[in-house]
Amino acid sequence: MPAPMITRAALKAAITARELNPTHPVFPTEFWTHPVVVRAVARLDVTTLIRQARTLTPITQEQLAHLTGLTQARSRASNTAASNSATSTASTPSSPAWAHRIPRP
């Protein structure tokens, strides 16, 4: 497994900085330029974007919930929908409502 793109301490500091400045990015540029992330953003595929955040960085579910407002119950619904269908949960009407909360540079 490759090393995370950002350390836990740096991620926590970035989340704290974002609370003070809503335009402050949380994930490094390398995250947003990763090919899978670029495709997920282009397709508005929030499920893949969140999975990549969890794979490429040490972000916790609690931190993602804090940034996005996505609850654990909603996360379970996302995972169930993704495993039961080839259609991404990004096609659900509510996904874009919270997807913009994931900070990008």
PDB file of N, CA and C in Angstrom:
ATOM      1  N   MET A   1       0.853  -1.179   0.000  1.00  0.00           N
ATOM      2  CA  MET A   1       0.000   0.000   0.000  1.00  0.00           C
ATOM      3  C   MET A   1       0.899   1.243   0.000  1.00  0.00           C
ATOM      4  N   PRO A   2       0.637   2.193  -0.909  1.00  0.00           N
ATOM      5  CA  PRO A   2       1.477   3.398  -0.962  1.00  0.00           C
ATOM      6  C   PRO A   2       1.274   4.282   0.268  1.00  0.00           C
ATOM      7  N   ALA A   3       2.279   5.085   0.537  1.00  0.00           N
ATOM      8  CA  ALA A   3       2.194   6.022   1.660  1.00  0.00           C
ATOM      9  C   ALA A   3       1.111   7.059   1.391  1.00  0.00           C
ATOM     10  N   PRO A   4       0.413   7.517   2.428  1.00  0.00           N
ATOM     11  CA  PRO A   4      -0.599   8.558   2.239  1.00  0.00           C
ATOM     12  C   PRO A   4       0.017   9.838   1.677  1.00  0.00           C
ATOM     13  N   MET A   5      -0.790  10.599   0.964  1.00  0.00           N
ATOM     14  CA  MET A   5      -0.341  11.854   0.358  1.00  0.00           C
ATOM     15  C   MET A   5      -0.171  12.968   1.379  1.00  0.00           C
ATOM     16  N   ILE A   6      -0.699  12.771   2.581  1.00  0.00           N
ATOM     17  CA  ILE A   6      -0.661  13.790   3.627  1.00  0.00           C
ATOM     18  C   ILE A   6      -0.630  13.070   4.972  1.00  0.00           C
ATOM     19  N   THR A   7       0.038  13.626   5.943  1.00  0.00           N
ATOM     20  CA  THR A   7       0.093  12.992   7.266  1.00  0.00           C
ATOM     21  C   THR A   7      -1.185  13.290   8.050  1.00  0.00           C
ATOM     22  N   ARG A   8      -1.436  12.484   9.071  1.00  0.00           N
ATOM     23  CA  ARG A   8      -2.607  12.721   9.933  1.00  0.00           C
ATOM     24  C   ARG A   8      -2.549  14.107  10.572  1.00  0.00           C
ATOM     25  N   ALA A   9      -1.368  14.485  11.027  1.00  0.00           N
ATOM     26  CA  ALA A   9      -1.214  15.793  11.680  1.00  0.00           C
ATOM     27  C   ALA A   9      -1.473  16.930  10.697  1.00  0.00           C
ATOM     28  N   ALA A  10      -0.958  16.815   9.487  1.00  0.00           N
ATOM     29  CA  ALA A  10      -1.174  17.857   8.479  1.00  0.00           C
ATOM     30  C   ALA A  10      -2.642  17.921   8.076  1.00  0.00           C
ATOM     31  N   LEU A  11      -3.287  16.768   7.981  1.00  0.00           N
ATOM     32  CA  LEU A  11      -4.709  16.724   7.639  1.00  0.00           C
ATOM     33  C   LEU A  11      -5.545  17.389   8.730  1.00  0.00           C
ATOM     34  N   LYS A  12      -5.242  17.070   9.978  1.00  0.00           N
ATOM     35  CA  LYS A  12      -5.974  17.678  11.099  1.00  0.00           C
ATOM     36  C   LYS A  12      -5.775  19.193  11.109  1.00  0.00           C
ATOM     37  N   ALA A  13      -4.549  19.640  10.859  1.00  0.00           N
ATOM     38  CA  ALA A  13      -4.270  21.083  10.813  1.00  0.00           C
ATOM     39  C   ALA A  13      -5.028  21.746   9.665  1.00  0.00           C
ATOM     40  N   ALA A  14      -5.106  21.073   8.518  1.00  0.00           N
ATOM     41  CA  ALA A  14      -5.820  21.634   7.367  1.00  0.00           C
ATOM     42  C   ALA A  14      -7.318  21.743   7.648  1.00  0.00           C
ATOM     43  N   ILE A  15      -7.874  20.751   8.330  1.00  0.00           N
ATOM     44  CA  ILE A  15      -9.299  20.801   8.681  1.00  0.00           C
ATOM     45  C   ILE A  15      -9.552  21.948   9.654  1.00  0.00           C
ATOM     46  N   THR A  16      -8.675  22.125  10.622  1.00  0.00           N
ATOM     47  CA  THR A  16      -8.804  23.239  11.564  1.00  0.00           C
ATOM     48  C   THR A  16      -8.702  24.572  10.829  1.00  0.00           C
ATOM     49  N   ALA A  17      -7.748  24.691   9.923  1.00  0.00           N
ATOM     50  CA  ALA A  17      -7.588  25.929   9.149  1.00  0.00           C
ATOM     51  C   ALA A  17      -8.827  26.193   8.304  1.00  0.00           C
ATOM     52  N   ARG A  18      -9.433  25.137   7.775  1.00  0.00           N
ATOM     53  CA  ARG A  18     -10.643  25.296   6.951  1.00  0.00           C
ATOM     54  C   ARG A  18     -11.794  25.856   7.781  1.00  0.00           C
ATOM     55  N   GLU A  19     -11.857  25.500   9.042  1.00  0.00           N
ATOM     56  CA  GLU A  19     -12.913  26.035   9.902  1.00  0.00           C
ATOM     57  C   GLU A  19     -12.779  27.547  10.043  1.00  0.00           C
ATOM     58  N   LEU A  20     -11.556  28.045   9.999  1.00  0.00           N
ATOM     59  CA  LEU A  20     -11.310  29.485  10.090  1.00  0.00           C
ATOM     60  C   LEU A  20     -11.405  30.173   8.731  1.00  0.00           C
ATOM     61  N   ASN A  21     -11.094  29.443   7.677  1.00  0.00           N
ATOM     62  CA  ASN A  21     -11.097  29.988   6.320  1.00  0.00           C
ATOM     63  C   ASN A  21     -11.711  28.952   5.384  1.00  0.00           C
ATOM     64  N   PRO A  22     -12.984  29.111   5.005  1.00  0.00           N
ATOM     65  CA  PRO A  22     -13.680  28.107   4.198  1.00  0.00           C
ATOM     66  C   PRO A  22     -13.045  27.806   2.839  1.00  0.00           C
ATOM     67  N   THR A  23     -12.129  28.649   2.377  1.00  0.00           N
ATOM     68  CA  THR A  23     -11.494  28.372   1.087  1.00  0.00           C
ATOM     69  C   THR A  23     -10.195  27.580   1.235  1.00  0.00           C
ATOM     70  N   HIS A  24      -9.783  27.315   2.470  1.00  0.00           N
ATOM     71  CA  HIS A  24      -8.535  26.587   2.697  1.00  0.00           C
ATOM     72  C   HIS A  24      -8.699  25.118   2.274  1.00  0.00           C
ATOM     73  N   PRO A  25      -7.826  24.628   1.365  1.00  0.00           N
ATOM     74  CA  PRO A  25      -7.947  23.226   0.944  1.00  0.00           C
ATOM     75  C   PRO A  25      -7.516  22.267   2.053  1.00  0.00           C
ATOM     76  N   VAL A  26      -8.151  21.119   2.088  1.00  0.00           N
ATOM     77  CA  VAL A  26      -7.808  20.098   3.066  1.00  0.00           C
ATOM     78  C   VAL A  26      -6.870  19.066   2.447  1.00  0.00           C
ATOM     79  N   PHE A  27      -7.173  18.635   1.236  1.00  0.00           N
ATOM     80  CA  PHE A  27      -6.348  17.637   0.560  1.00  0.00           C
ATOM     81  C   PHE A  27      -5.288  18.320  -0.291  1.00  0.00           C
ATOM     82  N   PRO A  28      -4.107  17.705  -0.411  1.00  0.00           N
ATOM     83  CA  PRO A  28      -3.041  18.304  -1.215  1.00  0.00           C
ATOM     84  C   PRO A  28      -3.369  18.255  -2.708  1.00  0.00           C
ATOM     85  N   THR A  29      -2.675  19.068  -3.480  1.00  0.00           N
ATOM     86  CA  THR A  29      -2.873  19.114  -4.931  1.00  0.00           C
ATOM     87  C   THR A  29      -2.696  17.733  -5.549  1.00  0.00           C
ATOM     88  N   GLU A  30      -1.765  16.941  -5.021  1.00  0.00           N
ATOM     89  CA  GLU A  30      -1.529  15.594  -5.562  1.00  0.00           C
ATOM     90  C   GLU A  30      -2.783  14.728  -5.501  1.00  0.00           C
ATOM     91  N   PHE A  31      -3.616  14.951  -4.502  1.00  0.00           N
ATOM     92  CA  PHE A  31      -4.875  14.208  -4.413  1.00  0.00           C
ATOM     93  C   PHE A  31      -5.779  14.572  -5.579  1.00  0.00           C
ATOM     94  N   TRP A  32      -5.946  15.871  -5.815  1.00  0.00           N
ATOM     95  CA  TRP A  32      -6.876  16.342  -6.847  1.00  0.00           C
ATOM     96  C   TRP A  32      -6.393  16.063  -8.263  1.00  0.00           C
ATOM     97  N   THR A  33      -5.091  15.814  -8.439  1.00  0.00           N
ATOM     98  CA  THR A  33      -4.567  15.503  -9.771  1.00  0.00           C
ATOM     99  C   THR A  33      -4.397  14.000  -9.987  1.00  0.00           C
ATOM    100  N   HIS A  34      -4.714  13.191  -8.984  1.00  0.00           N
ATOM    101  CA  HIS A  34      -4.662  11.733  -9.133  1.00  0.00           C
ATOM    102  C   HIS A  34      -5.691  11.339 -10.203  1.00  0.00           C
ATOM    103  N   PRO A  35      -5.329  10.480 -11.172  1.00  0.00           N
ATOM    104  CA  PRO A  35      -6.230  10.151 -12.287  1.00  0.00           C
ATOM    105  C   PRO A  35      -7.621   9.669 -11.868  1.00  0.00           C
ATOM    106  N   VAL A  36      -7.705   8.838 -10.845  1.00  0.00           N
ATOM    107  CA  VAL A  36      -9.016   8.340 -10.407  1.00  0.00           C
ATOM    108  C   VAL A  36      -9.854   9.481  -9.837  1.00  0.00           C
ATOM    109  N   VAL A  37      -9.225  10.376  -9.098  1.00  0.00           N
ATOM    110  CA  VAL A  37      -9.931  11.519  -8.515  1.00  0.00           C
ATOM    111  C   VAL A  37     -10.394  12.472  -9.618  1.00  0.00           C
ATOM    112  N   VAL A  38      -9.536  12.735 -10.593  1.00  0.00           N
ATOM    113  CA  VAL A  38      -9.905  13.616 -11.713  1.00  0.00           C
ATOM    114  C   VAL A  38     -11.140  13.062 -12.423  1.00  0.00           C
ATOM    115  N   ARG A  39     -11.158  11.754 -12.689  1.00  0.00           N
ATOM    116  CA  ARG A  39     -12.322  11.143 -13.356  1.00  0.00           C
ATOM    117  C   ARG A  39     -13.563  11.222 -12.471  1.00  0.00           C
ATOM    118  N   ALA A  40     -13.402  10.973 -11.175  1.00  0.00           N
ATOM    119  CA  ALA A  40     -14.547  11.024 -10.258  1.00  0.00           C
ATOM    120  C   ALA A  40     -15.148  12.425 -10.210  1.00  0.00           C
ATOM    121  N   VAL A  41     -14.302  13.437 -10.155  1.00  0.00           N
ATOM    122  CA  VAL A  41     -14.790  14.822 -10.131  1.00  0.00           C
ATOM    123  C   VAL A  41     -15.502  15.143 -11.441  1.00  0.00           C
ATOM    124  N   ALA A  42     -14.925  14.730 -12.558  1.00  0.00           N
ATOM    125  CA  ALA A  42     -15.538  15.008 -13.865  1.00  0.00           C
ATOM    126  C   ALA A  42     -16.910  14.352 -13.989  1.00  0.00           C
ATOM    127  N   ARG A  43     -17.076  13.181 -13.383  1.00  0.00           N
ATOM    128  CA  ARG A  43     -18.353  12.454 -13.449  1.00  0.00           C
ATOM    129  C   ARG A  43     -19.281  12.799 -12.287  1.00  0.00           C
ATOM    130  N   LEU A  44     -18.835  13.674 -11.389  1.00  0.00           N
ATOM    131  CA  LEU A  44     -19.586  13.969 -10.159  1.00  0.00           C
ATOM    132  C   LEU A  44     -19.850  12.689  -9.376  1.00  0.00           C
ATOM    133  N   ASP A  45     -18.874  11.799  -9.383  1.00  0.00           N
ATOM    134  CA  ASP A  45     -18.972  10.505  -8.718  1.00  0.00           C
ATOM    135  C   ASP A  45     -18.472  10.646  -7.280  1.00  0.00           C
ATOM    136  N   VAL A  46     -19.365  11.040  -6.421  1.00  0.00           N
ATOM    137  CA  VAL A  46     -19.021  11.338  -5.038  1.00  0.00           C
ATOM    138  C   VAL A  46     -18.595  10.079  -4.284  1.00  0.00           C
ATOM    139  N   THR A  47     -19.192   8.949  -4.605  1.00  0.00           N
ATOM    140  CA  THR A  47     -18.826   7.704  -3.939  1.00  0.00           C
ATOM    141  C   THR A  47     -17.353   7.381  -4.176  1.00  0.00           C
ATOM    142  N   THR A  48     -16.914   7.449  -5.428  1.00  0.00           N
ATOM    143  CA  THR A  48     -15.509   7.187  -5.747  1.00  0.00           C
ATOM    144  C   THR A  48     -14.613   8.240  -5.111  1.00  0.00           C
ATOM    145  N   LEU A  49     -15.046   9.482  -5.127  1.00  0.00           N
ATOM    146  CA  LEU A  49     -14.251  10.556  -4.531  1.00  0.00           C
ATOM    147  C   LEU A  49     -14.010  10.291  -3.041  1.00  0.00           C
ATOM    148  N   ILE A  50     -15.041   9.905  -2.337  1.00  0.00           N
ATOM    149  CA  ILE A  50     -14.903   9.619  -0.906  1.00  0.00           C
ATOM    150  C   ILE A  50     -14.036   8.387  -0.683  1.00  0.00           C
ATOM    151  N   ARG A  51     -14.225   7.369  -1.505  1.00  0.00           N
ATOM    152  CA  ARG A  51     -13.379   6.172  -1.366  1.00  0.00           C
ATOM    153  C   ARG A  51     -11.912   6.509  -1.603  1.00  0.00           C
ATOM    154  N   GLN A  52     -11.632   7.357  -2.586  1.00  0.00           N
ATOM    155  CA  GLN A  52     -10.250   7.745  -2.854  1.00  0.00           C
ATOM    156  C   GLN A  52      -9.690   8.589  -1.704  1.00  0.00           C
ATOM    157  N   ALA A  53     -10.513   9.435  -1.132  1.00  0.00           N
ATOM    158  CA  ALA A  53     -10.062  10.217   0.024  1.00  0.00           C
ATOM    159  C   ALA A  53      -9.648   9.279   1.149  1.00  0.00           C
ATOM    160  N   ARG A  54     -10.427   8.228   1.351  1.00  0.00           N
ATOM    161  CA  ARG A  54     -10.120   7.264   2.418  1.00  0.00           C
ATOM    162  C   ARG A  54      -8.917   6.393   2.054  1.00  0.00           C
ATOM    163  N   THR A  55      -8.696   6.154   0.760  1.00  0.00           N
ATOM    164  CA  THR A  55      -7.582   5.314   0.310  1.00  0.00           C
ATOM    165  C   THR A  55      -6.267   6.083   0.252  1.00  0.00           C
ATOM    166  N   LEU A  56      -6.305   7.286  -0.288  1.00  0.00           N
ATOM    167  CA  LEU A  56      -5.083   8.042  -0.554  1.00  0.00           C
ATOM    168  C   LEU A  56      -4.628   8.927   0.603  1.00  0.00           C
ATOM    169  N   THR A  57      -5.505   9.147   1.570  1.00  0.00           N
ATOM    170  CA  THR A  57      -5.164   9.998   2.710  1.00  0.00           C
ATOM    171  C   THR A  57      -5.583   9.292   4.001  1.00  0.00           C
ATOM    172  N   PRO A  58      -5.081   9.742   5.131  1.00  0.00           N
ATOM    173  CA  PRO A  58      -5.472   9.114   6.399  1.00  0.00           C
ATOM    174  C   PRO A  58      -6.750   9.715   6.996  1.00  0.00           C
ATOM    175  N   ILE A  59      -7.589  10.349   6.188  1.00  0.00           N
ATOM    176  CA  ILE A  59      -8.800  10.984   6.720  1.00  0.00           C
ATOM    177  C   ILE A  59      -9.721   9.921   7.319  1.00  0.00           C
ATOM    178  N   THR A  60     -10.322  10.251   8.435  1.00  0.00           N
ATOM    179  CA  THR A  60     -11.239   9.328   9.106  1.00  0.00           C
ATOM    180  C   THR A  60     -12.666   9.589   8.634  1.00  0.00           C
ATOM    181  N   GLN A  61     -13.544   8.626   8.918  1.00  0.00           N
ATOM    182  CA  GLN A  61     -14.955   8.818   8.591  1.00  0.00           C
ATOM    183  C   GLN A  61     -15.513  10.026   9.331  1.00  0.00           C
ATOM    184  N   GLU A  62     -15.089  10.199  10.564  1.00  0.00           N
ATOM    185  CA  GLU A  62     -15.572  11.331  11.356  1.00  0.00           C
ATOM    186  C   GLU A  62     -15.151  12.657  10.727  1.00  0.00           C
ATOM    187  N   GLN A  63     -13.909  12.728  10.246  1.00  0.00           N
ATOM    188  CA  GLN A  63     -13.443  13.957   9.602  1.00  0.00           C
ATOM    189  C   GLN A  63     -14.205  14.217   8.302  1.00  0.00           C
ATOM    190  N   LEU A  64     -14.438  13.167   7.521  1.00  0.00           N
ATOM    191  CA  LEU A  64     -15.220  13.337   6.292  1.00  0.00           C
ATOM    192  C   LEU A  64     -16.641  13.790   6.614  1.00  0.00           C
ATOM    193  N   ALA A  65     -17.229  13.207   7.637  1.00  0.00           N
ATOM    194  CA  ALA A  65     -18.578  13.608   8.037  1.00  0.00           C
ATOM    195  C   ALA A  65     -18.600  15.074   8.444  1.00  0.00           C
ATOM    196  N   HIS A  66     -17.576  15.493   9.169  1.00  0.00           N
ATOM    197  CA  HIS A  66     -17.474  16.891   9.602  1.00  0.00           C
ATOM    198  C   HIS A  66     -17.377  17.827   8.394  1.00  0.00           C
ATOM    199  N   LEU A  67     -16.570  17.460   7.410  1.00  0.00           N
ATOM    200  CA  LEU A  67     -16.380  18.311   6.230  1.00  0.00           C
ATOM    201  C   LEU A  67     -17.598  18.343   5.318  1.00  0.00           C
ATOM    202  N   THR A  68     -18.279  17.210   5.185  1.00  0.00           N
ATOM    203  CA  THR A  68     -19.356  17.101   4.196  1.00  0.00           C
ATOM    204  C   THR A  68     -20.754  17.189   4.779  1.00  0.00           C
ATOM    205  N   GLY A  69     -20.882  16.930   6.073  1.00  0.00           N
ATOM    206  CA  GLY A  69     -22.213  16.850   6.663  1.00  0.00           C
ATOM    207  C   GLY A  69     -22.875  15.511   6.372  1.00  0.00           C
ATOM    208  N   LEU A  70     -22.108  14.568   5.820  1.00  0.00           N
ATOM    209  CA  LEU A  70     -22.619  13.245   5.480  1.00  0.00           C
ATOM    210  C   LEU A  70     -22.607  12.369   6.727  1.00  0.00           C
ATOM    211  N   THR A  71     -23.764  11.876   7.132  1.00  0.00           N
ATOM    212  CA  THR A  71     -23.850  11.053   8.330  1.00  0.00           C
ATOM    213  C   THR A  71     -23.443   9.619   8.038  1.00  0.00           C
ATOM    214  N   GLN A  72     -23.197   8.850   9.085  1.00  0.00           N
ATOM    215  CA  GLN A  72     -22.852   7.438   8.921  1.00  0.00           C
ATOM    216  C   GLN A  72     -23.988   6.682   8.247  1.00  0.00           C
ATOM    217  N   ALA A  73     -25.230   6.988   8.608  1.00  0.00           N
ATOM    218  CA  ALA A  73     -26.366   6.315   7.975  1.00  0.00           C
ATOM    219  C   ALA A  73     -26.379   6.594   6.478  1.00  0.00           C
ATOM    220  N   ARG A  74     -26.098   7.822   6.095  1.00  0.00           N
ATOM    221  CA  ARG A  74     -26.059   8.177   4.679  1.00  0.00           C
ATOM    222  C   ARG A  74     -24.903   7.460   3.992  1.00  0.00           C
ATOM    223  N   SER A  75     -23.776   7.336   4.675  1.00  0.00           N
ATOM    224  CA  SER A  75     -22.625   6.630   4.130  1.00  0.00           C
ATOM    225  C   SER A  75     -22.970   5.167   3.872  1.00  0.00           C
ATOM    226  N   ARG A  76     -23.663   4.551   4.799  1.00  0.00           N
ATOM    227  CA  ARG A  76     -24.078   3.156   4.609  1.00  0.00           C
ATOM    228  C   ARG A  76     -25.005   3.036   3.410  1.00  0.00           C
ATOM    229  N   ALA A  77     -25.912   3.982   3.245  1.00  0.00           N
ATOM    230  CA  ALA A  77     -26.813   3.963   2.093  1.00  0.00           C
ATOM    231  C   ALA A  77     -26.015   4.088   0.804  1.00  0.00           C
ATOM    232  N   SER A  78     -24.995   4.925   0.795  1.00  0.00           N
ATOM    233  CA  SER A  78     -24.119   5.082  -0.361  1.00  0.00           C
ATOM    234  C   SER A  78     -23.423   3.778  -0.688  1.00  0.00           C
ATOM    235  N   ASN A  79     -22.863   3.160   0.323  1.00  0.00           N
ATOM    236  CA  ASN A  79     -22.142   1.906   0.105  1.00  0.00           C
ATOM    237  C   ASN A  79     -23.072   0.805  -0.379  1.00  0.00           C
ATOM    238  N   THR A  80     -24.278   0.731   0.170  1.00  0.00           N
ATOM    239  CA  THR A  80     -25.243  -0.269  -0.254  1.00  0.00           C
ATOM    240  C   THR A  80     -25.661  -0.028  -1.693  1.00  0.00           C
ATOM    241  N   ALA A  81     -25.955   1.218  -2.029  1.00  0.00           N
ATOM    242  CA  ALA A  81     -26.363   1.541  -3.397  1.00  0.00           C
ATOM    243  C   ALA A  81     -25.247   1.230  -4.381  1.00  0.00           C
ATOM    244  N   ALA A  82     -24.015   1.543  -4.010  1.00  0.00           N
ATOM    245  CA  ALA A  82     -22.878   1.297  -4.903  1.00  0.00           C
ATOM    246  C   ALA A  82     -22.667  -0.195  -5.113  1.00  0.00           C
ATOM    247  N   SER A  83     -22.860  -0.986  -4.073  1.00  0.00           N
ATOM    248  CA  SER A  83     -22.637  -2.421  -4.223  1.00  0.00           C
ATOM    249  C   SER A  83     -23.805  -3.114  -4.914  1.00  0.00           C
ATOM    250  N   ASN A  84     -24.987  -2.522  -4.872  1.00  0.00           N
ATOM    251  CA  ASN A  84     -26.162  -3.123  -5.498  1.00  0.00           C
ATOM    252  C   ASN A  84     -26.395  -2.660  -6.921  1.00  0.00           C
ATOM    253  N   SER A  85     -25.635  -1.697  -7.375  1.00  0.00           N
ATOM    254  CA  SER A  85     -25.901  -1.110  -8.677  1.00  0.00           C
ATOM    255  C   SER A  85     -24.616  -0.595  -9.283  1.00  0.00           C
ATOM    256  N   ALA A  86     -24.577  -0.563 -10.605  1.00  0.00           N
ATOM    257  CA  ALA A  86     -23.419   0.019 -11.289  1.00  0.00           C
ATOM    258  C   ALA A  86     -23.527   1.531 -11.305  1.00  0.00           C
ATOM    259  N   THR A  87     -24.662   2.056 -10.899  1.00  0.00           N
ATOM    260  CA  THR A  87     -24.888   3.495 -10.893  1.00  0.00           C
ATOM    261  C   THR A  87     -24.318   4.104  -9.630  1.00  0.00           C
ATOM    262  N   SER A  88     -23.596   5.181  -9.782  1.00  0.00           N
ATOM    263  CA  SER A  88     -23.010   5.866  -8.633  1.00  0.00           C
ATOM    264  C   SER A  88     -24.089   6.598  -7.855  1.00  0.00           C
ATOM    265  N   THR A  89     -23.856   6.767  -6.563  1.00  0.00           N
ATOM    266  CA  THR A  89     -24.796   7.535  -5.755  1.00  0.00           C
ATOM    267  C   THR A  89     -24.750   9.010  -6.118  1.00  0.00           C
ATOM    268  N   ALA A  90     -23.767   9.414  -6.926  1.00  0.00           N
ATOM    269  CA  ALA A  90     -23.714  10.810  -7.350  1.00  0.00           C
ATOM    270  C   ALA A  90     -24.910  11.159  -8.216  1.00  0.00           C
ATOM    271  N   SER A  91     -25.600  10.138  -8.747  1.00  0.00           N
ATOM    272  CA  SER A  91     -26.768  10.417  -9.566  1.00  0.00           C
ATOM    273  C   SER A  91     -27.999  10.699  -8.711  1.00  0.00           C
ATOM    274  N   THR A  92     -27.909  10.491  -7.406  1.00  0.00           N
ATOM    275  CA  THR A  92     -29.036  10.805  -6.550  1.00  0.00           C
ATOM    276  C   THR A  92     -29.137  12.312  -6.396  1.00  0.00           C
ATOM    277  N   PRO A  93     -30.350  12.850  -6.304  1.00  0.00           N
ATOM    278  CA  PRO A  93     -30.514  14.299  -6.266  1.00  0.00           C
ATOM    279  C   PRO A  93     -29.773  14.997  -5.140  1.00  0.00           C
ATOM    280  N   SER A  94     -29.569  14.344  -4.005  1.00  0.00           N
ATOM    281  CA  SER A  94     -28.969  15.042  -2.874  1.00  0.00           C
ATOM    282  C   SER A  94     -27.443  15.081  -2.904  1.00  0.00           C
ATOM    283  N   SER A  95     -26.793  14.261  -3.702  1.00  0.00           N
ATOM    284  CA  SER A  95     -25.330  14.231  -3.695  1.00  0.00           C
ATOM    285  C   SER A  95     -24.698  15.580  -3.987  1.00  0.00           C
ATOM    286  N   PRO A  96     -25.078  16.301  -5.061  1.00  0.00           N
ATOM    287  CA  PRO A  96     -24.433  17.589  -5.311  1.00  0.00           C
ATOM    288  C   PRO A  96     -24.655  18.597  -4.191  1.00  0.00           C
ATOM    289  N   ALA A  97     -25.700  18.417  -3.404  1.00  0.00           N
ATOM    290  CA  ALA A  97     -25.975  19.355  -2.318  1.00  0.00           C
ATOM    291  C   ALA A  97     -24.873  19.342  -1.266  1.00  0.00           C
ATOM    292  N   TRP A  98     -24.211  18.224  -1.054  1.00  0.00           N
ATOM    293  CA  TRP A  98     -23.138  18.180  -0.065  1.00  0.00           C
ATOM    294  C   TRP A  98     -21.773  17.962  -0.689  1.00  0.00           C
ATOM    295  N   ALA A  99     -21.710  17.566  -1.955  1.00  0.00           N
ATOM    296  CA  ALA A  99     -20.425  17.295  -2.608  1.00  0.00           C
ATOM    297  C   ALA A  99     -19.541  18.537  -2.657  1.00  0.00           C
ATOM    298  N   HIS A 100     -20.139  19.709  -2.803  1.00  0.00           N
ATOM    299  CA  HIS A 100     -19.348  20.947  -2.883  1.00  0.00           C
ATOM    300  C   HIS A 100     -18.626  21.261  -1.576  1.00  0.00           C
ATOM    301  N   ARG A 101     -18.992  20.599  -0.494  1.00  0.00           N
ATOM    302  CA  ARG A 101     -18.361  20.885   0.797  1.00  0.00           C
ATOM    303  C   ARG A 101     -16.967  20.279   0.922  1.00  0.00           C
ATOM    304  N   ILE A 102     -16.616  19.318   0.048  1.00  0.00           N
ATOM    305  CA  ILE A 102     -15.264  18.756   0.087  1.00  0.00           C
ATOM    306  C   ILE A 102     -14.343  19.786  -0.543  1.00  0.00           C
ATOM    307  N   PRO A 103     -13.465  20.377   0.242  1.00  0.00           N
ATOM    308  CA  PRO A 103     -12.650  21.492  -0.240  1.00  0.00           C
ATOM    309  C   PRO A 103     -11.621  21.076  -1.279  1.00  0.00           C
ATOM    310  N   ARG A 104     -11.541  21.863  -2.350  1.00  0.00           N
ATOM    311  CA  ARG A 104     -10.563  21.629  -3.413  1.00  0.00           C
ATOM    312  C   ARG A 104      -9.726  22.877  -3.584  1.00  0.00           C
ATOM    313  N   PRO A 105      -8.466  22.684  -4.029  1.00  0.00           N
ATOM    314  CA  PRO A 105      -7.630  23.873  -4.276  1.00  0.00           C
ATOM    315  C   PRO A 105      -8.102  24.615  -5.516  1.00  0.00           C
TER     316      PRO A 105
END
